[in-house]
């Protein structure tokens, strides 16, 4: 019996509890008991030791006959269940699920909708208003994780981005350009304007709680798109530029107010699979 991965309407990859039980070669008559134990046991999730949560780690699968209960399990939860089982083949499936989980966690396994959303993000991140909004959201998330303190924020962010103001000044000097009195954004404009798009996308996904590697991978993808599309940078914070290329206004507004998530919901947690 092979383990199947289903994809939800939001692009989330899930595993059916019944399919996992069969793949692990566990006795059919033990399914109901094992299922209850799976949903109520304690596991070592990435963010800490806890019980699985409904609509985050699992969700009930609608059944027409209602005879057998079934659930959608997140890839991480399915891996933990597998490791905790008495199956003789648990190493095989746990390793496979772990690799799949890492690909998702690092942004290496994107759905078509997510790739297209990154393509649109690479365009709207040409607006400085979107760049600054993402930076602010990243800062807010950093403060939440550090008890309300912004101490060491700039050092932390420079490590995530892979450059600092000092490194940019050194690059400017090597290029024979004056760096004195210039902001990071102004220096990037002269050194590598597409890095501003990458930075904004990294800030966005760090602000959404993604890992550093995930944010960097999507930032790199957005930068590649921006370079291919020749995305221009416009400072629209105080006045509207005389000329702007066609942009996805809905997405731009969503980036500035992440509570509105039609596009960014592609990166939300477990939803019911289709």
C-alpha atoms as a PDB file:
ATOM      1  CA  UNK A   1       0.000   0.000   0.000  1.00  0.00           C
ATOM      2  CA  UNK A   2       1.469   3.332  -1.053  1.00  0.00           C
ATOM      3  CA  UNK A   3       1.009   6.531   0.910  1.00  0.00           C
ATOM      4  CA  UNK A   4      -0.789   9.237  -1.079  1.00  0.00           C
ATOM      5  CA  UNK A   5      -0.364  12.980  -0.711  1.00  0.00           C
ATOM      6  CA  UNK A   6      -3.445  15.107  -1.343  1.00  0.00           C
ATOM      7  CA  UNK A   7      -3.367  18.825  -2.076  1.00  0.00           C
ATOM      8  CA  UNK A   8      -5.960  21.170  -0.609  1.00  0.00           C
ATOM      9  CA  UNK A   9      -7.548  24.069  -2.476  1.00  0.00           C
ATOM     10  CA  UNK A  10      -5.027  26.333  -0.702  1.00  0.00           C
ATOM     11  CA  UNK A  11      -2.090  24.200  -1.850  1.00  0.00           C
ATOM     12  CA  UNK A  12      -1.528  22.527   1.526  1.00  0.00           C
ATOM     13  CA  UNK A  13      -0.301  18.940   1.314  1.00  0.00           C
ATOM     14  CA  UNK A  14      -2.155  16.480   3.551  1.00  0.00           C
ATOM     15  CA  UNK A  15      -2.370  12.749   4.241  1.00  0.00           C
ATOM     16  CA  UNK A  16      -5.526  10.753   4.909  1.00  0.00           C
ATOM     17  CA  UNK A  17      -5.467   9.032   8.296  1.00  0.00           C
ATOM     18  CA  UNK A  18      -7.049   5.889   6.800  1.00  0.00           C
ATOM     19  CA  UNK A  19      -4.446   5.760   4.017  1.00  0.00           C
ATOM     20  CA  UNK A  20      -1.610   6.240   6.499  1.00  0.00           C
ATOM     21  CA  UNK A  21      -2.970   3.446   8.697  1.00  0.00           C
ATOM     22  CA  UNK A  22      -3.060   1.069   5.723  1.00  0.00           C
ATOM     23  CA  UNK A  23       0.383   2.100   4.440  1.00  0.00           C
ATOM     24  CA  UNK A  24       1.891   1.434   7.852  1.00  0.00           C
ATOM     25  CA  UNK A  25       0.453  -2.084   7.743  1.00  0.00           C
ATOM     26  CA  UNK A  26      -1.470  -1.688  10.992  1.00  0.00           C
ATOM     27  CA  UNK A  27      -4.410  -4.066  11.646  1.00  0.00           C
ATOM     28  CA  UNK A  28      -7.688  -2.758  10.221  1.00  0.00           C
ATOM     29  CA  UNK A  29      -9.597  -3.653  13.392  1.00  0.00           C
ATOM     30  CA  UNK A  30      -7.331  -1.300  15.373  1.00  0.00           C
ATOM     31  CA  UNK A  31      -8.035   1.740  13.159  1.00  0.00           C
ATOM     32  CA  UNK A  32     -10.650   3.429  15.371  1.00  0.00           C
ATOM     33  CA  UNK A  33      -8.567   3.000  18.528  1.00  0.00           C
ATOM     34  CA  UNK A  34      -5.352   4.153  16.819  1.00  0.00           C
ATOM     35  CA  UNK A  35      -7.091   7.165  15.292  1.00  0.00           C
ATOM     36  CA  UNK A  36      -8.340   8.358  18.690  1.00  0.00           C
ATOM     37  CA  UNK A  37      -4.862   7.914  20.124  1.00  0.00           C
ATOM     38  CA  UNK A  38      -3.253   9.805  17.221  1.00  0.00           C
ATOM     39  CA  UNK A  39      -5.524  12.806  17.696  1.00  0.00           C
ATOM     40  CA  UNK A  40      -5.117  12.965  21.474  1.00  0.00           C
ATOM     41  CA  UNK A  41      -1.465  12.038  22.032  1.00  0.00           C
ATOM     42  CA  UNK A  42       1.395  14.487  22.696  1.00  0.00           C
ATOM     43  CA  UNK A  43       4.046  15.090  20.019  1.00  0.00           C
ATOM     44  CA  UNK A  44       7.220  17.073  19.474  1.00  0.00           C
ATOM     45  CA  UNK A  45       6.098  19.549  16.804  1.00  0.00           C
ATOM     46  CA  UNK A  46       8.632  21.981  15.398  1.00  0.00           C
ATOM     47  CA  UNK A  47       7.391  24.822  17.577  1.00  0.00           C
ATOM     48  CA  UNK A  48       7.157  22.754  20.747  1.00  0.00           C
ATOM     49  CA  UNK A  49       5.684  19.764  22.548  1.00  0.00           C
ATOM     50  CA  UNK A  50       1.884  19.781  22.446  1.00  0.00           C
ATOM     51  CA  UNK A  51      -1.252  17.939  21.410  1.00  0.00           C
ATOM     52  CA  UNK A  52      -2.374  18.184  17.759  1.00  0.00           C
ATOM     53  CA  UNK A  53      -4.827  20.999  17.048  1.00  0.00           C
ATOM     54  CA  UNK A  54      -7.944  20.838  14.885  1.00  0.00           C
ATOM     55  CA  UNK A  55      -7.747  22.904  11.670  1.00  0.00           C
ATOM     56  CA  UNK A  56      -3.995  23.310  12.207  1.00  0.00           C
ATOM     57  CA  UNK A  57      -2.632  19.776  12.249  1.00  0.00           C
ATOM     58  CA  UNK A  58      -5.722  17.859  11.190  1.00  0.00           C
ATOM     59  CA  UNK A  59      -9.258  18.295   9.900  1.00  0.00           C
ATOM     60  CA  UNK A  60     -12.221  15.959   9.562  1.00  0.00           C
ATOM     61  CA  UNK A  61     -12.872  14.552   6.105  1.00  0.00           C
ATOM     62  CA  UNK A  62     -16.562  14.767   5.172  1.00  0.00           C
ATOM     63  CA  UNK A  63     -18.086  11.311   4.767  1.00  0.00           C
ATOM     64  CA  UNK A  64     -21.217  10.465   2.810  1.00  0.00           C
ATOM     65  CA  UNK A  65     -22.051   7.315   4.741  1.00  0.00           C
ATOM     66  CA  UNK A  66     -20.604   8.394   8.100  1.00  0.00           C
ATOM     67  CA  UNK A  67     -19.596   4.808   8.869  1.00  0.00           C
ATOM     68  CA  UNK A  68     -15.806   5.334   9.121  1.00  0.00           C
ATOM     69  CA  UNK A  69     -14.218   8.465  10.575  1.00  0.00           C
ATOM     70  CA  UNK A  70     -11.395   9.878   8.527  1.00  0.00           C
ATOM     71  CA  UNK A  71      -9.182  12.912   8.850  1.00  0.00           C
ATOM     72  CA  UNK A  72      -6.753  14.977   6.828  1.00  0.00           C
ATOM     73  CA  UNK A  73      -3.374  15.119   8.581  1.00  0.00           C
ATOM     74  CA  UNK A  74      -0.667  17.692   7.929  1.00  0.00           C
ATOM     75  CA  UNK A  75       2.614  16.272   6.615  1.00  0.00           C
ATOM     76  CA  UNK A  76       4.373  17.084   9.885  1.00  0.00           C
ATOM     77  CA  UNK A  77       1.647  15.436  11.975  1.00  0.00           C
ATOM     78  CA  UNK A  78       1.638  12.364   9.719  1.00  0.00           C
ATOM     79  CA  UNK A  79       5.410  12.058  10.185  1.00  0.00           C
ATOM     80  CA  UNK A  80       5.105  12.261  13.981  1.00  0.00           C
ATOM     81  CA  UNK A  81       2.288   9.700  13.999  1.00  0.00           C
ATOM     82  CA  UNK A  82       4.416   7.390  11.852  1.00  0.00           C
ATOM     83  CA  UNK A  83       7.416   7.675  14.155  1.00  0.00           C
ATOM     84  CA  UNK A  84       5.195   6.981  17.151  1.00  0.00           C
ATOM     85  CA  UNK A  85       3.646   3.875  15.586  1.00  0.00           C
ATOM     86  CA  UNK A  86       4.628   0.216  15.950  1.00  0.00           C
ATOM     87  CA  UNK A  87       4.800  -0.275  12.196  1.00  0.00           C
ATOM     88  CA  UNK A  88       7.661  -2.322  10.757  1.00  0.00           C
ATOM     89  CA  UNK A  89       7.936   0.084   7.810  1.00  0.00           C
ATOM     90  CA  UNK A  90       7.786   3.332   9.795  1.00  0.00           C
ATOM     91  CA  UNK A  91      11.382   4.295   8.944  1.00  0.00           C
ATOM     92  CA  UNK A  92      10.584   4.256   5.216  1.00  0.00           C
ATOM     93  CA  UNK A  93       7.488   6.454   5.487  1.00  0.00           C
ATOM     94  CA  UNK A  94       8.826   8.735   8.226  1.00  0.00           C
ATOM     95  CA  UNK A  95      11.916   9.489   6.122  1.00  0.00           C
ATOM     96  CA  UNK A  96       9.793  10.197   3.049  1.00  0.00           C
ATOM     97  CA  UNK A  97       7.433  12.477   4.973  1.00  0.00           C
ATOM     98  CA  UNK A  98      10.368  14.234   6.648  1.00  0.00           C
ATOM     99  CA  UNK A  99      11.941  15.042   3.270  1.00  0.00           C
ATOM    100  CA  UNK A 100       8.606  16.275   1.952  1.00  0.00           C
ATOM    101  CA  UNK A 101       8.134  18.398   5.072  1.00  0.00           C
ATOM    102  CA  UNK A 102      11.571  19.979   4.629  1.00  0.00           C
ATOM    103  CA  UNK A 103      10.817  20.816   1.013  1.00  0.00           C
ATOM    104  CA  UNK A 104       7.603  22.550   2.068  1.00  0.00           C
ATOM    105  CA  UNK A 105       9.237  24.252   5.042  1.00  0.00           C
ATOM    106  CA  UNK A 106      12.057  25.658   2.893  1.00  0.00           C
ATOM    107  CA  UNK A 107       9.856  26.838   0.056  1.00  0.00           C
ATOM    108  CA  UNK A 108      11.321  24.309  -2.365  1.00  0.00           C
ATOM    109  CA  UNK A 109       7.983  22.686  -3.131  1.00  0.00           C
ATOM    110  CA  UNK A 110       5.542  25.328  -4.364  1.00  0.00           C
ATOM    111  CA  UNK A 111       2.170  24.928  -6.011  1.00  0.00           C
ATOM    112  CA  UNK A 112       1.431  26.598  -9.332  1.00  0.00           C
ATOM    113  CA  UNK A 113      -0.730  29.183  -7.548  1.00  0.00           C
ATOM    114  CA  UNK A 114       2.104  29.990  -5.140  1.00  0.00           C
ATOM    115  CA  UNK A 115       4.617  30.437  -7.968  1.00  0.00           C
ATOM    116  CA  UNK A 116       2.209  32.760  -9.793  1.00  0.00           C
ATOM    117  CA  UNK A 117       1.633  34.696  -6.564  1.00  0.00           C
ATOM    118  CA  UNK A 118       5.405  35.180  -6.159  1.00  0.00           C
ATOM    119  CA  UNK A 119       5.511  36.410  -9.761  1.00  0.00           C
ATOM    120  CA  UNK A 120       2.873  39.039  -8.922  1.00  0.00           C
ATOM    121  CA  UNK A 121       4.705  39.900  -5.693  1.00  0.00           C
ATOM    122  CA  UNK A 122       7.890  40.608  -7.663  1.00  0.00           C
ATOM    123  CA  UNK A 123       5.999  43.330  -9.524  1.00  0.00           C
ATOM    124  CA  UNK A 124       4.245  45.075  -6.636  1.00  0.00           C
ATOM    125  CA  UNK A 125       7.430  45.042  -4.548  1.00  0.00           C
ATOM    126  CA  UNK A 126       8.720  47.683  -6.934  1.00  0.00           C
ATOM    127  CA  UNK A 127       6.601  50.101  -4.874  1.00  0.00           C
ATOM    128  CA  UNK A 128       8.539  51.500  -1.925  1.00  0.00           C
ATOM    129  CA  UNK A 129       5.292  51.669   0.068  1.00  0.00           C
ATOM    130  CA  UNK A 130       5.022  47.879  -0.189  1.00  0.00           C
ATOM    131  CA  UNK A 131       8.684  47.464   0.738  1.00  0.00           C
ATOM    132  CA  UNK A 132       8.356  49.546   3.893  1.00  0.00           C
ATOM    133  CA  UNK A 133       5.085  47.831   4.875  1.00  0.00           C
ATOM    134  CA  UNK A 134       6.795  44.429   4.684  1.00  0.00           C
ATOM    135  CA  UNK A 135       9.753  45.672   6.707  1.00  0.00           C
ATOM    136  CA  UNK A 136       7.383  46.946   9.394  1.00  0.00           C
ATOM    137  CA  UNK A 137       5.515  43.633   9.515  1.00  0.00           C
ATOM    138  CA  UNK A 138       8.815  41.767   9.873  1.00  0.00           C
ATOM    139  CA  UNK A 139       9.783  44.066  12.754  1.00  0.00           C
ATOM    140  CA  UNK A 140       6.439  43.511  14.488  1.00  0.00           C
ATOM    141  CA  UNK A 141       6.813  39.728  14.241  1.00  0.00           C
ATOM    142  CA  UNK A 142      10.380  39.990  15.566  1.00  0.00           C
ATOM    143  CA  UNK A 143       9.158  42.003  18.553  1.00  0.00           C
ATOM    144  CA  UNK A 144       6.365  39.510  19.264  1.00  0.00           C
ATOM    145  CA  UNK A 145       8.914  36.705  19.383  1.00  0.00           C
ATOM    146  CA  UNK A 146      11.233  38.682  21.656  1.00  0.00           C
ATOM    147  CA  UNK A 147       8.849  39.839  24.356  1.00  0.00           C
ATOM    148  CA  UNK A 148       8.096  43.176  22.745  1.00  0.00           C
ATOM    149  CA  UNK A 149      11.768  44.136  22.393  1.00  0.00           C
ATOM    150  CA  UNK A 150      13.343  45.322  19.139  1.00  0.00           C
ATOM    151  CA  UNK A 151      16.883  44.934  20.504  1.00  0.00           C
ATOM    152  CA  UNK A 152      19.345  43.559  17.933  1.00  0.00           C
ATOM    153  CA  UNK A 153      16.685  43.870  15.220  1.00  0.00           C
ATOM    154  CA  UNK A 154      18.950  45.395  12.568  1.00  0.00           C
ATOM    155  CA  UNK A 155      21.720  42.845  13.169  1.00  0.00           C
ATOM    156  CA  UNK A 156      19.228  39.982  12.990  1.00  0.00           C
ATOM    157  CA  UNK A 157      17.683  41.303   9.779  1.00  0.00           C
ATOM    158  CA  UNK A 158      21.070  41.837   8.109  1.00  0.00           C
ATOM    159  CA  UNK A 159      21.977  38.185   8.803  1.00  0.00           C
ATOM    160  CA  UNK A 160      18.665  37.012   7.289  1.00  0.00           C
ATOM    161  CA  UNK A 161      19.112  39.228   4.208  1.00  0.00           C
ATOM    162  CA  UNK A 162      22.806  38.456   3.766  1.00  0.00           C
ATOM    163  CA  UNK A 163      23.991  42.071   3.681  1.00  0.00           C
ATOM    164  CA  UNK A 164      24.293  45.100   5.944  1.00  0.00           C
ATOM    165  CA  UNK A 165      24.640  48.858   5.501  1.00  0.00           C
ATOM    166  CA  UNK A 166      28.373  48.500   6.074  1.00  0.00           C
ATOM    167  CA  UNK A 167      28.727  45.896   3.318  1.00  0.00           C
ATOM    168  CA  UNK A 168      26.727  48.087   0.967  1.00  0.00           C
ATOM    169  CA  UNK A 169      29.025  51.061   1.673  1.00  0.00           C
ATOM    170  CA  UNK A 170      32.051  48.885   0.912  1.00  0.00           C
ATOM    171  CA  UNK A 171      30.459  47.808  -2.371  1.00  0.00           C
ATOM    172  CA  UNK A 172      29.696  51.429  -3.257  1.00  0.00           C
ATOM    173  CA  UNK A 173      33.320  52.378  -2.656  1.00  0.00           C
ATOM    174  CA  UNK A 174      34.540  49.547  -4.887  1.00  0.00           C
ATOM    175  CA  UNK A 175      32.232  50.835  -7.617  1.00  0.00           C
ATOM    176  CA  UNK A 176      33.641  54.344  -7.189  1.00  0.00           C
ATOM    177  CA  UNK A 177      30.349  55.738  -5.883  1.00  0.00           C
ATOM    178  CA  UNK A 178      29.743  57.932  -2.848  1.00  0.00           C
ATOM    179  CA  UNK A 179      27.888  56.218  -0.012  1.00  0.00           C
ATOM    180  CA  UNK A 180      27.992  59.015   2.559  1.00  0.00           C
ATOM    181  CA  UNK A 181      24.530  60.094   3.749  1.00  0.00           C
ATOM    182  CA  UNK A 182      22.722  57.459   1.704  1.00  0.00           C
ATOM    183  CA  UNK A 183      20.151  55.010   3.113  1.00  0.00           C
ATOM    184  CA  UNK A 184      20.306  51.277   2.421  1.00  0.00           C
ATOM    185  CA  UNK A 185      17.507  51.653  -0.117  1.00  0.00           C
ATOM    186  CA  UNK A 186      19.377  54.436  -1.930  1.00  0.00           C
ATOM    187  CA  UNK A 187      22.558  52.368  -2.020  1.00  0.00           C
ATOM    188  CA  UNK A 188      20.708  49.300  -3.281  1.00  0.00           C
ATOM    189  CA  UNK A 189      19.221  51.424  -6.051  1.00  0.00           C
ATOM    190  CA  UNK A 190      22.755  52.014  -7.335  1.00  0.00           C
ATOM    191  CA  UNK A 191      24.224  48.604  -6.520  1.00  0.00           C
ATOM    192  CA  UNK A 192      21.406  46.169  -7.347  1.00  0.00           C
ATOM    193  CA  UNK A 193      17.841  47.465  -7.500  1.00  0.00           C
ATOM    194  CA  UNK A 194      16.359  43.971  -7.793  1.00  0.00           C
ATOM    195  CA  UNK A 195      17.762  43.188  -4.347  1.00  0.00           C
ATOM    196  CA  UNK A 196      15.102  45.583  -3.038  1.00  0.00           C
ATOM    197  CA  UNK A 197      12.403  43.244  -4.368  1.00  0.00           C
ATOM    198  CA  UNK A 198      14.152  40.242  -2.791  1.00  0.00           C
ATOM    199  CA  UNK A 199      14.453  42.089   0.532  1.00  0.00           C
ATOM    200  CA  UNK A 200      10.770  43.032   0.571  1.00  0.00           C
ATOM    201  CA  UNK A 201       9.631  39.463  -0.140  1.00  0.00           C
ATOM    202  CA  UNK A 202      11.924  38.104   2.591  1.00  0.00           C
ATOM    203  CA  UNK A 203      10.521  40.693   5.014  1.00  0.00           C
ATOM    204  CA  UNK A 204       6.987  39.715   4.021  1.00  0.00           C
ATOM    205  CA  UNK A 205       7.389  35.999   4.660  1.00  0.00           C
ATOM    206  CA  UNK A 206       9.416  36.505   7.823  1.00  0.00           C
ATOM    207  CA  UNK A 207       6.536  38.717   8.963  1.00  0.00           C
ATOM    208  CA  UNK A 208       4.129  35.876   8.160  1.00  0.00           C
ATOM    209  CA  UNK A 209       6.114  33.584  10.447  1.00  0.00           C
ATOM    210  CA  UNK A 210       7.939  31.508   7.847  1.00  0.00           C
ATOM    211  CA  UNK A 211      11.473  30.188   8.430  1.00  0.00           C
ATOM    212  CA  UNK A 212      14.533  32.148   7.336  1.00  0.00           C
ATOM    213  CA  UNK A 213      15.341  29.589   4.632  1.00  0.00           C
ATOM    214  CA  UNK A 214      11.775  29.637   3.329  1.00  0.00           C
ATOM    215  CA  UNK A 215      11.741  33.444   3.168  1.00  0.00           C
ATOM    216  CA  UNK A 216      15.128  33.558   1.422  1.00  0.00           C
ATOM    217  CA  UNK A 217      14.128  30.960  -1.161  1.00  0.00           C
ATOM    218  CA  UNK A 218      10.992  32.902  -2.093  1.00  0.00           C
ATOM    219  CA  UNK A 219      12.940  36.161  -2.053  1.00  0.00           C
ATOM    220  CA  UNK A 220      15.479  34.686  -4.478  1.00  0.00           C
ATOM    221  CA  UNK A 221      12.680  33.509  -6.754  1.00  0.00           C
ATOM    222  CA  UNK A 222      11.025  36.940  -6.693  1.00  0.00           C
ATOM    223  CA  UNK A 223      14.344  38.628  -7.508  1.00  0.00           C
ATOM    224  CA  UNK A 224      14.831  36.340 -10.515  1.00  0.00           C
ATOM    225  CA  UNK A 225      11.332  37.243 -11.717  1.00  0.00           C
ATOM    226  CA  UNK A 226      11.979  40.954 -11.131  1.00  0.00           C
ATOM    227  CA  UNK A 227      15.177  40.869 -13.163  1.00  0.00           C
ATOM    228  CA  UNK A 228      13.500  38.975 -16.001  1.00  0.00           C
ATOM    229  CA  UNK A 229      10.575  41.424 -16.018  1.00  0.00           C
ATOM    230  CA  UNK A 230      12.788  44.519 -15.644  1.00  0.00           C
ATOM    231  CA  UNK A 231      10.785  45.673 -12.636  1.00  0.00           C
ATOM    232  CA  UNK A 232      11.288  49.369 -11.876  1.00  0.00           C
ATOM    233  CA  UNK A 233      11.383  50.889  -8.394  1.00  0.00           C
ATOM    234  CA  UNK A 234       8.915  53.684  -7.620  1.00  0.00           C
ATOM    235  CA  UNK A 235       8.800  55.711  -4.411  1.00  0.00           C
ATOM    236  CA  UNK A 236       5.050  56.220  -4.045  1.00  0.00           C
ATOM    237  CA  UNK A 237       4.994  57.030  -0.319  1.00  0.00           C
ATOM    238  CA  UNK A 238       4.316  60.738  -0.550  1.00  0.00           C
ATOM    239  CA  UNK A 239       3.127  61.322  -4.090  1.00  0.00           C
ATOM    240  CA  UNK A 240       1.848  59.070  -6.818  1.00  0.00           C
ATOM    241  CA  UNK A 241       4.446  58.743  -9.619  1.00  0.00           C
ATOM    242  CA  UNK A 242       3.448  60.219 -12.941  1.00  0.00           C
ATOM    243  CA  UNK A 243       3.801  56.836 -14.604  1.00  0.00           C
ATOM    244  CA  UNK A 244       3.289  53.394 -13.153  1.00  0.00           C
ATOM    245  CA  UNK A 245       3.234  50.104 -15.061  1.00  0.00           C
ATOM    246  CA  UNK A 246       0.123  47.911 -14.717  1.00  0.00           C
ATOM    247  CA  UNK A 247       0.168  46.385 -11.232  1.00  0.00           C
ATOM    248  CA  UNK A 248      -2.046  44.096  -9.202  1.00  0.00           C
ATOM    249  CA  UNK A 249      -3.606  46.747  -6.971  1.00  0.00           C
ATOM    250  CA  UNK A 250      -5.458  44.155  -4.884  1.00  0.00           C
ATOM    251  CA  UNK A 251      -2.226  42.364  -4.046  1.00  0.00           C
ATOM    252  CA  UNK A 252      -0.414  45.640  -3.335  1.00  0.00           C
ATOM    253  CA  UNK A 253      -3.128  46.622  -0.860  1.00  0.00           C
ATOM    254  CA  UNK A 254      -3.005  43.144   0.681  1.00  0.00           C
ATOM    255  CA  UNK A 255       0.757  43.454   1.215  1.00  0.00           C
ATOM    256  CA  UNK A 256       0.202  46.734   3.036  1.00  0.00           C
ATOM    257  CA  UNK A 257      -2.601  45.259   5.148  1.00  0.00           C
ATOM    258  CA  UNK A 258      -1.918  41.547   5.637  1.00  0.00           C
ATOM    259  CA  UNK A 259      -5.258  41.051   7.397  1.00  0.00           C
ATOM    260  CA  UNK A 260      -6.742  40.938   3.887  1.00  0.00           C
ATOM    261  CA  UNK A 261      -5.458  37.656   2.480  1.00  0.00           C
ATOM    262  CA  UNK A 262      -6.844  36.481  -0.824  1.00  0.00           C
ATOM    263  CA  UNK A 263      -3.380  35.972  -2.309  1.00  0.00           C
ATOM    264  CA  UNK A 264      -1.365  35.390   0.853  1.00  0.00           C
ATOM    265  CA  UNK A 265      -3.812  32.746   2.062  1.00  0.00           C
ATOM    266  CA  UNK A 266      -1.907  30.435  -0.283  1.00  0.00           C
ATOM    267  CA  UNK A 267       0.609  30.203   2.543  1.00  0.00           C
ATOM    268  CA  UNK A 268      -1.840  29.609   5.394  1.00  0.00           C
ATOM    269  CA  UNK A 269      -1.955  26.377   7.382  1.00  0.00           C
ATOM    270  CA  UNK A 270      -3.978  23.208   6.932  1.00  0.00           C
ATOM    271  CA  UNK A 271      -7.310  23.534   5.160  1.00  0.00           C
ATOM    272  CA  UNK A 272      -9.740  20.844   4.061  1.00  0.00           C
ATOM    273  CA  UNK A 273      -8.493  19.049   0.977  1.00  0.00           C
ATOM    274  CA  UNK A 274     -10.589  18.886  -2.138  1.00  0.00           C
END
